[in-house]
Amino acid sequence: MRTWRNIAVGLCLAAATVLVPASSAAAVSPGTPGQVAFIRGGNLFVAEPSGAVWQATTGGGYLWPRWQPGPGGGLAVLRHGDLYYGHYSSTTHTFTAAQRLTTSGFVGAGAWSPDGAKLAYAYGPNVYAPTVYIADFAAPGAAVGATVTRVETRLSPAAQRLADRLPKKQTRAAVLPSGFDVLHDSLAVAWSPNGRWLAYPNGECWAIFDDCLSVLELSTGEEWWAAAFGGGGATLDGFATVPAFTADSSRVLWTQQTRPRYEPDAQVGPLQIMSAPSTGGAAVQVGANWEHSAVPSPAGGGAVLVTAGRNGKAWVTLRNGSSRTYLYQGYEHDWQAV
């Protein structure tokens, strides 16, 4: 059975708490699409619905902003490998990082619960097989994010039966073949808008594969893998990171890159956005090759923000079916739900 062990920010012991996944009835997300936060040159930028784009920080070092659901302008953002929590002001067009949430230097982009009361993130000093933690932002009388819960997981019975039939992983290559994108090392986490699932790289499936993307059922602590590469009889090397869920939670999206496993001189393939049912099933590509880091519209439908190249620069781009619209020069975007 799943157990919950509690630790404080910075990975130290803390008082006990019980994690209760956010219910869909209490959820703020999904909702009306609001502001878009993104990174350009190491600083945070915010594009408002009016079309105005503001530089919200200076000094650099910022990565992967994630909007807290709702209209308050709350943001979790990485800086120099740690998570910070603060607020973006639509009046002053600045971001104030009021609180540092971690001190380890080895965490990935956070994911908010649908009601904005909890923040999940992955910690992995060696990138592989990270541990997922959930910070509580609504504990009475406690500092914001002061109580952190470690998530314990196991493979679902169906995934375990499949794993038992697969050849066991031997040793992982010390160095990934050249040509793979730096997104291979992303520890980004996604929380489904219905509060049911978390998706993150290299969960329990990492015992079988070299790289994989796990989908965790929060109510049971059970995982299945959406994509898997290397080991376990897989015919491709590769990675699957930067997950996201559609507004109705029916599908999980991720960025992947692959190459034939048993052909040492084979070329690495393009970055691709893939999508599969959240309960498991066949994956299909979304958009075009070399687009990555998908963020579906909070309002549902087919609209999704991606990063795409334009004249040698990364652009936050609106993909809707076969159409593509370049919006803002930048990357690591997030779409606010209000």
C-alpha atoms as a PDB file:
ATOM      1  CA  MET A   1       0.000   0.000   0.000  1.00  0.00           C
ATOM      2  CA  ARG A   2       1.054   3.579  -0.535  1.00  0.00           C
ATOM      3  CA  THR A   3       2.404   5.428   2.478  1.00  0.00           C
ATOM      4  CA  TRP A   4       3.078   9.111   3.020  1.00  0.00           C
ATOM      5  CA  ARG A   5       6.240  10.321   4.729  1.00  0.00           C
ATOM      6  CA  ASN A   6       6.490  13.995   5.629  1.00  0.00           C
ATOM      7  CA  ILE A   7       9.499  16.216   5.204  1.00  0.00           C
ATOM      8  CA  ALA A   8      10.112  19.941   5.380  1.00  0.00           C
ATOM      9  CA  VAL A   9      11.318  22.235   2.622  1.00  0.00           C
ATOM     10  CA  GLY A  10      14.985  21.492   1.968  1.00  0.00           C
ATOM     11  CA  LEU A  11      14.353  17.758   2.507  1.00  0.00           C
ATOM     12  CA  CYS A  12      14.332  17.785   6.342  1.00  0.00           C
ATOM     13  CA  LEU A  13      11.908  16.162   8.805  1.00  0.00           C
ATOM     14  CA  ALA A  14       8.600  17.918   9.462  1.00  0.00           C
ATOM     15  CA  ALA A  15       5.298  17.394  11.260  1.00  0.00           C
ATOM     16  CA  ALA A  16       2.843  14.803   9.989  1.00  0.00           C
ATOM     17  CA  THR A  17       0.117  15.594   7.504  1.00  0.00           C
ATOM     18  CA  VAL A  18      -2.298  13.701   5.273  1.00  0.00           C
ATOM     19  CA  LEU A  19      -2.429  14.407   1.562  1.00  0.00           C
ATOM     20  CA  VAL A  20      -5.947  14.665   0.159  1.00  0.00           C
ATOM     21  CA  PRO A  21      -5.910  15.090  -3.631  1.00  0.00           C
ATOM     22  CA  ALA A  22      -7.908  18.085  -4.812  1.00  0.00           C
ATOM     23  CA  SER A  23     -11.416  17.154  -5.914  1.00  0.00           C
ATOM     24  CA  SER A  24     -12.653  18.182  -9.323  1.00  0.00           C
ATOM     25  CA  ALA A  25     -15.572  19.981  -7.655  1.00  0.00           C
ATOM     26  CA  ALA A  26     -13.166  22.283  -5.812  1.00  0.00           C
ATOM     27  CA  ALA A  27     -10.918  22.832  -8.789  1.00  0.00           C
ATOM     28  CA  VAL A  28     -10.186  26.231 -10.259  1.00  0.00           C
ATOM     29  CA  SER A  29      -8.360  24.660 -13.207  1.00  0.00           C
ATOM     30  CA  PRO A  30      -9.363  24.197 -15.985  1.00  0.00           C
ATOM     31  CA  GLY A  31     -10.882  27.552 -16.742  1.00  0.00           C
ATOM     32  CA  THR A  32     -10.659  30.644 -18.918  1.00  0.00           C
ATOM     33  CA  PRO A  33      -7.203  31.110 -20.503  1.00  0.00           C
ATOM     34  CA  GLY A  34      -5.376  34.002 -18.871  1.00  0.00           C
ATOM     35  CA  GLN A  35      -1.810  35.287 -18.972  1.00  0.00           C
ATOM     36  CA  VAL A  36       1.100  33.378 -20.495  1.00  0.00           C
ATOM     37  CA  ALA A  37       4.334  33.221 -18.507  1.00  0.00           C
ATOM     38  CA  PHE A  38       7.530  32.287 -20.319  1.00  0.00           C
ATOM     39  CA  ILE A  39      11.295  32.634 -20.205  1.00  0.00           C
ATOM     40  CA  ARG A  40      13.501  34.680 -22.511  1.00  0.00           C
ATOM     41  CA  GLY A  41      17.222  35.023 -21.917  1.00  0.00           C
ATOM     42  CA  GLY A  42      16.910  33.647 -18.387  1.00  0.00           C
ATOM     43  CA  ASN A  43      14.267  36.145 -17.238  1.00  0.00           C
ATOM     44  CA  LEU A  44      10.549  35.833 -16.656  1.00  0.00           C
ATOM     45  CA  PHE A  45       8.203  37.489 -19.136  1.00  0.00           C
ATOM     46  CA  VAL A  46       4.402  37.689 -18.958  1.00  0.00           C
ATOM     47  CA  ALA A  47       2.067  38.155 -21.912  1.00  0.00           C
ATOM     48  CA  GLU A  48      -1.291  39.545 -20.830  1.00  0.00           C
ATOM     49  CA  PRO A  49      -4.595  38.811 -22.613  1.00  0.00           C
ATOM     50  CA  SER A  50      -4.515  42.355 -24.015  1.00  0.00           C
ATOM     51  CA  GLY A  51      -1.439  41.365 -26.038  1.00  0.00           C
ATOM     52  CA  ALA A  52       1.017  43.398 -23.953  1.00  0.00           C
ATOM     53  CA  VAL A  53       4.251  41.587 -23.062  1.00  0.00           C
ATOM     54  CA  TRP A  54       6.214  42.584 -19.970  1.00  0.00           C
ATOM     55  CA  GLN A  55       9.623  41.627 -18.632  1.00  0.00           C
ATOM     56  CA  ALA A  56       8.888  40.743 -15.010  1.00  0.00           C
ATOM     57  CA  THR A  57      12.405  40.021 -13.681  1.00  0.00           C
ATOM     58  CA  THR A  58      16.027  40.979 -14.219  1.00  0.00           C
ATOM     59  CA  GLY A  59      19.259  39.275 -13.247  1.00  0.00           C
ATOM     60  CA  GLY A  60      18.659  35.995 -15.072  1.00  0.00           C
ATOM     61  CA  GLY A  61      18.661  32.448 -13.784  1.00  0.00           C
ATOM     62  CA  TYR A  62      14.874  31.915 -14.061  1.00  0.00           C
ATOM     63  CA  LEU A  63      13.356  28.753 -15.522  1.00  0.00           C
ATOM     64  CA  TRP A  64       9.985  26.994 -15.937  1.00  0.00           C
ATOM     65  CA  PRO A  65       7.275  29.294 -14.465  1.00  0.00           C
ATOM     66  CA  ARG A  66       4.050  27.591 -13.384  1.00  0.00           C
ATOM     67  CA  TRP A  67       0.862  29.568 -12.661  1.00  0.00           C
ATOM     68  CA  GLN A  68      -1.059  28.856  -9.469  1.00  0.00           C
ATOM     69  CA  PRO A  69      -4.693  28.291 -10.588  1.00  0.00           C
ATOM     70  CA  GLY A  70      -6.879  31.332 -10.090  1.00  0.00           C
ATOM     71  CA  PRO A  71      -6.590  35.092 -10.651  1.00  0.00           C
ATOM     72  CA  GLY A  72      -4.120  35.960  -7.865  1.00  0.00           C
ATOM     73  CA  GLY A  73      -0.984  35.946 -10.002  1.00  0.00           C
ATOM     74  CA  GLY A  74       0.744  33.252  -7.931  1.00  0.00           C
ATOM     75  CA  LEU A  75       3.718  31.617  -9.642  1.00  0.00           C
ATOM     76  CA  ALA A  76       6.154  28.841  -8.854  1.00  0.00           C
ATOM     77  CA  VAL A  77       9.385  29.326 -10.781  1.00  0.00           C
ATOM     78  CA  LEU A  78      12.800  27.730 -10.798  1.00  0.00           C
ATOM     79  CA  ARG A  79      15.894  29.821 -10.191  1.00  0.00           C
ATOM     80  CA  HIS A  80      19.375  28.318 -10.091  1.00  0.00           C
ATOM     81  CA  GLY A  81      17.883  24.854  -9.566  1.00  0.00           C
ATOM     82  CA  ASP A  82      15.498  25.677  -6.707  1.00  0.00           C
ATOM     83  CA  LEU A  83      11.792  26.465  -6.536  1.00  0.00           C
ATOM     84  CA  TYR A  84      10.564  29.902  -5.534  1.00  0.00           C
ATOM     85  CA  TYR A  85       7.004  31.056  -4.942  1.00  0.00           C
ATOM     86  CA  GLY A  86       5.818  34.594  -5.550  1.00  0.00           C
ATOM     87  CA  HIS A  87       3.320  36.765  -7.376  1.00  0.00           C
ATOM     88  CA  TYR A  88       3.179  38.629 -10.658  1.00  0.00           C
ATOM     89  CA  SER A  89       1.592  42.073 -10.419  1.00  0.00           C
ATOM     90  CA  SER A  90      -0.468  43.175 -13.405  1.00  0.00           C
ATOM     91  CA  THR A  91      -0.133  46.728 -12.078  1.00  0.00           C
ATOM     92  CA  THR A  92       3.645  46.985 -11.760  1.00  0.00           C
ATOM     93  CA  HIS A  93       4.373  44.171 -14.242  1.00  0.00           C
ATOM     94  CA  THR A  94       6.923  42.684 -11.865  1.00  0.00           C
ATOM     95  CA  PHE A  95       7.384  39.339 -10.160  1.00  0.00           C
ATOM     96  CA  THR A  96       8.131  39.232  -6.452  1.00  0.00           C
ATOM     97  CA  ALA A  97       9.617  35.943  -5.234  1.00  0.00           C
ATOM     98  CA  ALA A  98       8.427  35.998  -1.644  1.00  0.00           C
ATOM     99  CA  GLN A  99       9.564  32.534  -0.603  1.00  0.00           C
ATOM    100  CA  ARG A 100      12.219  29.974  -1.467  1.00  0.00           C
ATOM    101  CA  LEU A 101      10.642  26.512  -1.329  1.00  0.00           C
ATOM    102  CA  THR A 102      13.659  24.217  -1.790  1.00  0.00           C
ATOM    103  CA  THR A 103      17.377  24.372  -1.050  1.00  0.00           C
ATOM    104  CA  SER A 104      18.618  21.228  -2.805  1.00  0.00           C
ATOM    105  CA  GLY A 105      19.405  22.699  -6.232  1.00  0.00           C
ATOM    106  CA  PHE A 106      18.085  19.580  -7.999  1.00  0.00           C
ATOM    107  CA  VAL A 107      14.370  20.053  -8.594  1.00  0.00           C
ATOM    108  CA  GLY A 108      12.229  20.375 -11.696  1.00  0.00           C
ATOM    109  CA  ALA A 109       9.282  22.485 -12.817  1.00  0.00           C
ATOM    110  CA  GLY A 110       6.415  22.291 -10.338  1.00  0.00           C
ATOM    111  CA  ALA A 111       2.777  21.332 -10.899  1.00  0.00           C
ATOM    112  CA  TRP A 112      -0.175  22.831  -9.017  1.00  0.00           C
ATOM    113  CA  SER A 113      -3.173  20.903  -7.756  1.00  0.00           C
ATOM    114  CA  PRO A 114      -6.372  22.057  -9.483  1.00  0.00           C
ATOM    115  CA  ASP A 115      -7.410  24.185  -6.496  1.00  0.00           C
ATOM    116  CA  GLY A 116      -3.955  25.755  -6.156  1.00  0.00           C
ATOM    117  CA  ALA A 117      -3.566  24.485  -2.583  1.00  0.00           C
ATOM    118  CA  LYS A 118      -0.651  22.113  -3.254  1.00  0.00           C
ATOM    119  CA  LEU A 119       2.469  22.115  -5.406  1.00  0.00           C
ATOM    120  CA  ALA A 120       4.122  18.907  -6.633  1.00  0.00           C
ATOM    121  CA  TYR A 121       7.733  18.751  -7.751  1.00  0.00           C
ATOM    122  CA  ALA A 122      10.402  16.142  -8.460  1.00  0.00           C
ATOM    123  CA  TYR A 123      13.792  15.992  -6.752  1.00  0.00           C
ATOM    124  CA  GLY A 124      16.613  14.084  -8.429  1.00  0.00           C
ATOM    125  CA  PRO A 125      20.279  14.940  -7.847  1.00  0.00           C
ATOM    126  CA  ASN A 126      21.357  12.464 -10.532  1.00  0.00           C
ATOM    127  CA  VAL A 127      18.296  13.137 -12.794  1.00  0.00           C
ATOM    128  CA  TYR A 128      17.393   9.442 -12.889  1.00  0.00           C
ATOM    129  CA  ALA A 129      14.553   8.023 -10.776  1.00  0.00           C
ATOM    130  CA  PRO A 130      13.562  11.285  -9.024  1.00  0.00           C
ATOM    131  CA  THR A 131      11.395  11.441  -5.908  1.00  0.00           C
ATOM    132  CA  VAL A 132       8.133  13.388  -6.004  1.00  0.00           C
ATOM    133  CA  TYR A 133       7.143  15.741  -3.172  1.00  0.00           C
ATOM    134  CA  ILE A 134       3.986  17.765  -2.573  1.00  0.00           C
ATOM    135  CA  ALA A 135       4.127  21.092  -0.704  1.00  0.00           C
ATOM    136  CA  ASP A 136       0.987  22.190   1.138  1.00  0.00           C
ATOM    137  CA  PHE A 137      -0.035  25.819   0.589  1.00  0.00           C
ATOM    138  CA  ALA A 138      -3.182  25.684   2.721  1.00  0.00           C
ATOM    139  CA  ALA A 139      -2.126  24.229   6.082  1.00  0.00           C
ATOM    140  CA  PRO A 140      -3.733  26.343   8.843  1.00  0.00           C
ATOM    141  CA  GLY A 141      -1.180  28.330  10.817  1.00  0.00           C
ATOM    142  CA  ALA A 142       1.779  27.093   8.768  1.00  0.00           C
ATOM    143  CA  ALA A 143       4.092  29.062   6.530  1.00  0.00           C
ATOM    144  CA  VAL A 144       3.260  28.819   2.834  1.00  0.00           C
ATOM    145  CA  GLY A 145       4.688  25.576   1.493  1.00  0.00           C
ATOM    146  CA  ALA A 146       6.226  24.662   4.856  1.00  0.00           C
ATOM    147  CA  THR A 147       4.792  21.141   5.012  1.00  0.00           C
ATOM    148  CA  VAL A 148       6.027  18.794   2.312  1.00  0.00           C
ATOM    149  CA  THR A 149       4.915  15.214   1.706  1.00  0.00           C
ATOM    150  CA  ARG A 150       6.937  12.527  -0.036  1.00  0.00           C
ATOM    151  CA  VAL A 151       4.897  10.450  -2.486  1.00  0.00           C
ATOM    152  CA  GLU A 152       5.404   6.672  -2.270  1.00  0.00           C
ATOM    153  CA  THR A 153       4.428   4.690  -5.359  1.00  0.00           C
ATOM    154  CA  ARG A 154       4.271   1.220  -6.882  1.00  0.00           C
ATOM    155  CA  LEU A 155       3.464  -0.214 -10.281  1.00  0.00           C
ATOM    156  CA  SER A 156      -0.191  -0.933 -10.880  1.00  0.00           C
ATOM    157  CA  PRO A 157      -1.065  -4.667 -11.023  1.00  0.00           C
ATOM    158  CA  ALA A 158      -1.406  -4.533 -14.815  1.00  0.00           C
ATOM    159  CA  ALA A 159       1.911  -2.697 -15.215  1.00  0.00           C
ATOM    160  CA  GLN A 160       3.586  -5.106 -12.792  1.00  0.00           C
ATOM    161  CA  ARG A 161       2.369  -8.126 -14.748  1.00  0.00           C
ATOM    162  CA  LEU A 162       3.791  -6.625 -17.913  1.00  0.00           C
ATOM    163  CA  ALA A 163       7.043  -5.750 -16.144  1.00  0.00           C
ATOM    164  CA  ASP A 164       7.381  -9.337 -14.916  1.00  0.00           C
ATOM    165  CA  ARG A 165       7.336 -10.549 -18.524  1.00  0.00           C
ATOM    166  CA  LEU A 166       9.940  -8.061 -19.735  1.00  0.00           C
ATOM    167  CA  PRO A 167      13.685  -8.689 -19.665  1.00  0.00           C
ATOM    168  CA  LYS A 168      15.285  -6.892 -16.748  1.00  0.00           C
ATOM    169  CA  LYS A 169      17.388  -3.788 -17.306  1.00  0.00           C
ATOM    170  CA  GLN A 170      21.096  -4.456 -17.010  1.00  0.00           C
ATOM    171  CA  THR A 171      23.128  -1.266 -16.679  1.00  0.00           C
ATOM    172  CA  ARG A 172      22.250   2.164 -17.965  1.00  0.00           C
ATOM    173  CA  ALA A 173      24.647   3.821 -20.368  1.00  0.00           C
ATOM    174  CA  ALA A 174      26.836   6.274 -18.454  1.00  0.00           C
ATOM    175  CA  VAL A 175      26.484   8.865 -21.202  1.00  0.00           C
ATOM    176  CA  LEU A 176      23.455   9.266 -23.431  1.00  0.00           C
ATOM    177  CA  PRO A 177      24.361   9.114 -27.145  1.00  0.00           C
ATOM    178  CA  SER A 178      25.156  12.521 -28.605  1.00  0.00           C
ATOM    179  CA  GLY A 179      22.412  14.484 -30.310  1.00  0.00           C
ATOM    180  CA  PHE A 180      19.700  14.226 -27.668  1.00  0.00           C
ATOM    181  CA  ASP A 181      18.189  17.516 -26.494  1.00  0.00           C
ATOM    182  CA  VAL A 182      18.789  18.965 -23.021  1.00  0.00           C
ATOM    183  CA  LEU A 183      15.092  18.327 -22.307  1.00  0.00           C
ATOM    184  CA  HIS A 184      16.233  14.770 -21.594  1.00  0.00           C
ATOM    185  CA  ASP A 185      17.230  16.037 -18.130  1.00  0.00           C
ATOM    186  CA  SER A 186      13.958  17.820 -17.360  1.00  0.00           C
ATOM    187  CA  LEU A 187      12.269  16.883 -14.072  1.00  0.00           C
ATOM    188  CA  ALA A 188       9.020  18.710 -14.863  1.00  0.00           C
ATOM    189  CA  VAL A 189       5.855  17.361 -13.217  1.00  0.00           C
ATOM    190  CA  ALA A 190       2.209  17.666 -14.357  1.00  0.00           C
ATOM    191  CA  TRP A 191      -0.982  17.428 -12.255  1.00  0.00           C
ATOM    192  CA  SER A 192      -4.206  16.594 -14.079  1.00  0.00           C
ATOM    193  CA  PRO A 193      -7.003  19.215 -13.837  1.00  0.00           C
ATOM    194  CA  ASN A 194      -9.359  16.625 -12.300  1.00  0.00           C
ATOM    195  CA  GLY A 195      -6.846  16.048  -9.475  1.00  0.00           C
ATOM    196  CA  ARG A 196      -6.511  12.348 -10.261  1.00  0.00           C
ATOM    197  CA  TRP A 197      -3.045  11.927 -11.777  1.00  0.00           C
ATOM    198  CA  LEU A 198       0.531  13.134 -11.560  1.00  0.00           C
ATOM    199  CA  ALA A 199       2.893  12.590 -14.487  1.00  0.00           C
ATOM    200  CA  TYR A 200       6.687  12.758 -14.165  1.00  0.00           C
ATOM    201  CA  PRO A 201       9.813  11.114 -15.629  1.00  0.00           C
ATOM    202  CA  ASN A 202      11.398   7.858 -14.435  1.00  0.00           C
ATOM    203  CA  GLY A 203       9.138   6.602 -11.681  1.00  0.00           C
ATOM    204  CA  GLU A 204       8.840   2.906 -10.829  1.00  0.00           C
ATOM    205  CA  CYS A 205       9.297   2.070 -14.524  1.00  0.00           C
ATOM    206  CA  TRP A 206      12.936   3.171 -14.277  1.00  0.00           C
ATOM    207  CA  ALA A 207      13.733  -0.207 -12.689  1.00  0.00           C
ATOM    208  CA  ILE A 208      12.880  -1.732 -16.076  1.00  0.00           C
ATOM    209  CA  PHE A 209      13.773   0.934 -18.635  1.00  0.00           C
ATOM    210  CA  ASP A 210      16.573   3.468 -19.099  1.00  0.00           C
ATOM    211  CA  ASP A 211      14.102   6.337 -19.518  1.00  0.00           C
ATOM    212  CA  CYS A 212      10.335   6.432 -19.118  1.00  0.00           C
ATOM    213  CA  LEU A 213       7.364   8.653 -18.272  1.00  0.00           C
ATOM    214  CA  SER A 214       5.190   7.609 -15.317  1.00  0.00           C
ATOM    215  CA  VAL A 215       1.528   8.405 -14.701  1.00  0.00           C
ATOM    216  CA  LEU A 216       0.605   8.097 -11.016  1.00  0.00           C
ATOM    217  CA  GLU A 217      -2.925   7.516  -9.698  1.00  0.00           C
ATOM    218  CA  LEU A 218      -2.902   9.636  -6.531  1.00  0.00           C
ATOM    219  CA  SER A 219      -5.720   7.791  -4.788  1.00  0.00           C
ATOM    220  CA  THR A 220      -3.943   4.418  -4.979  1.00  0.00           C
ATOM    221  CA  GLY A 221      -0.244   5.259  -5.371  1.00  0.00           C
ATOM    222  CA  GLU A 222      -0.140   3.050  -8.475  1.00  0.00           C
ATOM    223  CA  GLU A 223       1.759   3.927 -11.667  1.00  0.00           C
ATOM    224  CA  TRP A 224       1.787   2.924 -15.301  1.00  0.00           C
ATOM    225  CA  TRP A 225       4.218   4.112 -17.950  1.00  0.00           C
ATOM    226  CA  ALA A 226       3.127   6.218 -20.930  1.00  0.00           C
ATOM    227  CA  ALA A 227       6.436   5.893 -22.820  1.00  0.00           C
ATOM    228  CA  ALA A 228       9.582   3.848 -22.212  1.00  0.00           C
ATOM    229  CA  PHE A 229      12.993   3.578 -23.880  1.00  0.00           C
ATOM    230  CA  GLY A 230      16.067   1.387 -23.461  1.00  0.00           C
ATOM    231  CA  GLY A 231      16.063  -1.747 -21.306  1.00  0.00           C
ATOM    232  CA  GLY A 232      13.054  -3.996 -20.932  1.00  0.00           C
ATOM    233  CA  GLY A 233      13.410  -5.163 -24.530  1.00  0.00           C
ATOM    234  CA  ALA A 234      12.690  -1.671 -25.924  1.00  0.00           C
ATOM    235  CA  THR A 235      13.813  -1.157 -29.519  1.00  0.00           C
ATOM    236  CA  LEU A 236      14.423   2.590 -29.131  1.00  0.00           C
ATOM    237  CA  ASP A 237      16.694   4.727 -27.008  1.00  0.00           C
ATOM    238  CA  GLY A 238      15.219   8.063 -26.023  1.00  0.00           C
ATOM    239  CA  PHE A 239      13.423  10.058 -23.368  1.00  0.00           C
ATOM    240  CA  ALA A 240       9.935  11.349 -22.497  1.00  0.00           C
ATOM    241  CA  THR A 241       9.710  14.486 -20.347  1.00  0.00           C
ATOM    242  CA  VAL A 242       7.755  17.768 -19.840  1.00  0.00           C
ATOM    243  CA  PRO A 243       4.315  16.177 -19.338  1.00  0.00           C
ATOM    244  CA  ALA A 244       1.005  18.058 -19.453  1.00  0.00           C
ATOM    245  CA  PHE A 245      -2.684  17.137 -19.315  1.00  0.00           C
ATOM    246  CA  THR A 246      -5.572  18.335 -21.436  1.00  0.00           C
ATOM    247  CA  ALA A 247      -8.206  20.482 -19.694  1.00  0.00           C
ATOM    248  CA  ASP A 248     -10.620  17.542 -19.452  1.00  0.00           C
ATOM    249  CA  SER A 249      -7.804  15.322 -18.076  1.00  0.00           C
ATOM    250  CA  SER A 250      -8.532  12.678 -20.700  1.00  0.00           C
ATOM    251  CA  ARG A 251      -5.051  12.776 -22.253  1.00  0.00           C
ATOM    252  CA  VAL A 252      -1.468  13.235 -21.135  1.00  0.00           C
ATOM    253  CA  LEU A 253       1.045  14.933 -23.469  1.00  0.00           C
ATOM    254  CA  TRP A 254       4.831  14.871 -23.356  1.00  0.00           C
ATOM    255  CA  THR A 255       7.969  15.703 -25.330  1.00  0.00           C
ATOM    256  CA  GLN A 256      10.116  12.858 -26.592  1.00  0.00           C
ATOM    257  CA  GLN A 257      13.111  12.142 -28.788  1.00  0.00           C
ATOM    258  CA  THR A 258      14.264   8.722 -29.974  1.00  0.00           C
ATOM    259  CA  ARG A 259      16.798   6.786 -31.999  1.00  0.00           C
ATOM    260  CA  PRO A 260      17.081   3.075 -32.953  1.00  0.00           C
ATOM    261  CA  ARG A 261      18.560   1.269 -29.974  1.00  0.00           C
ATOM    262  CA  TYR A 262      20.615  -1.359 -31.772  1.00  0.00           C
ATOM    263  CA  GLU A 263      22.124   0.881 -34.442  1.00  0.00           C
ATOM    264  CA  PRO A 264      25.113   2.708 -32.861  1.00  0.00           C
ATOM    265  CA  ASP A 265      25.536   5.021 -35.845  1.00  0.00           C
ATOM    266  CA  ALA A 266      21.843   5.833 -36.210  1.00  0.00           C
ATOM    267  CA  GLN A 267      20.813   9.470 -36.185  1.00  0.00           C
ATOM    268  CA  VAL A 268      18.812  10.846 -33.279  1.00  0.00           C
ATOM    269  CA  GLY A 269      15.295  11.721 -34.321  1.00  0.00           C
ATOM    270  CA  PRO A 270      13.504  15.091 -33.942  1.00  0.00           C
ATOM    271  CA  LEU A 271      11.833  16.364 -30.810  1.00  0.00           C
ATOM    272  CA  GLN A 272       8.149  15.418 -30.912  1.00  0.00           C
ATOM    273  CA  ILE A 273       5.052  16.058 -28.828  1.00  0.00           C
ATOM    274  CA  MET A 274       3.135  12.864 -28.115  1.00  0.00           C
ATOM    275  CA  SER A 275      -0.312  12.308 -26.605  1.00  0.00           C
ATOM    276  CA  ALA A 276      -1.970   9.250 -25.066  1.00  0.00           C
ATOM    277  CA  PRO A 277      -5.080   8.530 -22.980  1.00  0.00           C
ATOM    278  CA  SER A 278      -4.477   9.230 -19.291  1.00  0.00           C
ATOM    279  CA  THR A 279      -5.611   5.694 -18.436  1.00  0.00           C
ATOM    280  CA  GLY A 280      -3.200   4.121 -20.939  1.00  0.00           C
ATOM    281  CA  GLY A 281      -3.299   3.462 -24.655  1.00  0.00           C
ATOM    282  CA  ALA A 282      -1.604   4.141 -27.960  1.00  0.00           C
ATOM    283  CA  ALA A 283       0.281   7.418 -28.370  1.00  0.00           C
ATOM    284  CA  VAL A 284      -0.085   9.787 -31.333  1.00  0.00           C
ATOM    285  CA  GLN A 285       1.982  12.799 -32.360  1.00  0.00           C
ATOM    286  CA  VAL A 286       0.641  16.315 -31.825  1.00  0.00           C
ATOM    287  CA  GLY A 287       1.831  19.062 -34.158  1.00  0.00           C
ATOM    288  CA  ALA A 288       5.044  18.959 -36.186  1.00  0.00           C
ATOM    289  CA  ASN A 289       8.547  17.623 -35.641  1.00  0.00           C
ATOM    290  CA  TRP A 290      10.785  19.856 -33.488  1.00  0.00           C
ATOM    291  CA  GLU A 291       7.865  21.368 -31.604  1.00  0.00           C
ATOM    292  CA  HIS A 292       8.042  20.599 -27.887  1.00  0.00           C
ATOM    293  CA  SER A 293       6.848  21.477 -24.355  1.00  0.00           C
ATOM    294  CA  ALA A 294       3.101  21.375 -25.002  1.00  0.00           C
ATOM    295  CA  VAL A 295       0.663  23.232 -22.714  1.00  0.00           C
ATOM    296  CA  PRO A 296      -2.990  22.639 -23.681  1.00  0.00           C
ATOM    297  CA  SER A 297      -5.488  25.482 -23.417  1.00  0.00           C
ATOM    298  CA  PRO A 298      -7.196  25.689 -20.000  1.00  0.00           C
ATOM    299  CA  ALA A 299     -10.478  26.121 -21.894  1.00  0.00           C
ATOM    300  CA  GLY A 300     -10.197  22.775 -23.654  1.00  0.00           C
ATOM    301  CA  GLY A 301     -10.477  22.209 -27.388  1.00  0.00           C
ATOM    302  CA  GLY A 302      -7.532  21.612 -29.670  1.00  0.00           C
ATOM    303  CA  ALA A 303      -5.454  24.712 -28.902  1.00  0.00           C
ATOM    304  CA  VAL A 304      -2.056  24.070 -27.357  1.00  0.00           C
ATOM    305  CA  LEU A 305       0.981  26.256 -26.702  1.00  0.00           C
ATOM    306  CA  VAL A 306       4.269  24.763 -27.878  1.00  0.00           C
ATOM    307  CA  THR A 307       7.844  25.913 -28.333  1.00  0.00           C
ATOM    308  CA  ALA A 308       8.890  26.064 -31.973  1.00  0.00           C
ATOM    309  CA  GLY A 309      11.904  27.404 -33.820  1.00  0.00           C
ATOM    310  CA  ARG A 310      11.768  30.533 -35.959  1.00  0.00           C
ATOM    311  CA  ASN A 311      14.817  32.116 -37.608  1.00  0.00           C
ATOM    312  CA  GLY A 312      17.094  30.310 -35.191  1.00  0.00           C
ATOM    313  CA  LYS A 313      15.171  31.463 -32.102  1.00  0.00           C
ATOM    314  CA  ALA A 314      12.733  29.695 -29.797  1.00  0.00           C
ATOM    315  CA  TRP A 315       9.172  31.019 -29.935  1.00  0.00           C
ATOM    316  CA  VAL A 316       6.105  30.394 -27.821  1.00  0.00           C
ATOM    317  CA  THR A 317       3.711  29.252 -30.506  1.00  0.00           C
ATOM    318  CA  LEU A 318      -0.013  28.543 -30.701  1.00  0.00           C
ATOM    319  CA  ARG A 319      -0.755  25.205 -32.353  1.00  0.00           C
ATOM    320  CA  ASN A 320      -4.380  24.472 -33.245  1.00  0.00           C
ATOM    321  CA  GLY A 321      -4.818  21.485 -35.497  1.00  0.00           C
ATOM    322  CA  SER A 322      -2.729  22.121 -38.601  1.00  0.00           C
ATOM    323  CA  SER A 323      -2.338  25.870 -37.961  1.00  0.00           C
ATOM    324  CA  ARG A 324       0.648  27.406 -36.198  1.00  0.00           C
ATOM    325  CA  THR A 325       0.894  31.005 -34.951  1.00  0.00           C
ATOM    326  CA  TYR A 326       4.131  32.426 -33.532  1.00  0.00           C
ATOM    327  CA  LEU A 327       3.303  34.527 -30.471  1.00  0.00           C
ATOM    328  CA  TYR A 328       6.344  35.540 -28.385  1.00  0.00           C
ATOM    329  CA  GLN A 329      10.061  34.929 -28.611  1.00  0.00           C
ATOM    330  CA  GLY A 330      10.775  32.670 -25.638  1.00  0.00           C
ATOM    331  CA  TYR A 331      10.373  29.183 -24.187  1.00  0.00           C
ATOM    332  CA  GLU A 332       9.339  27.215 -21.052  1.00  0.00           C
ATOM    333  CA  HIS A 333       5.858  28.727 -21.181  1.00  0.00           C
ATOM    334  CA  ASP A 334       2.772  28.181 -19.031  1.00  0.00           C
ATOM    335  CA  TRP A 335      -0.835  29.170 -19.691  1.00  0.00           C
ATOM    336  CA  GLN A 336      -2.756  30.584 -16.735  1.00  0.00           C
ATOM    337  CA  ALA A 337      -6.196  29.177 -15.902  1.00  0.00           C
ATOM    338  CA  VAL A 338      -8.570  31.701 -14.274  1.00  0.00           C
END
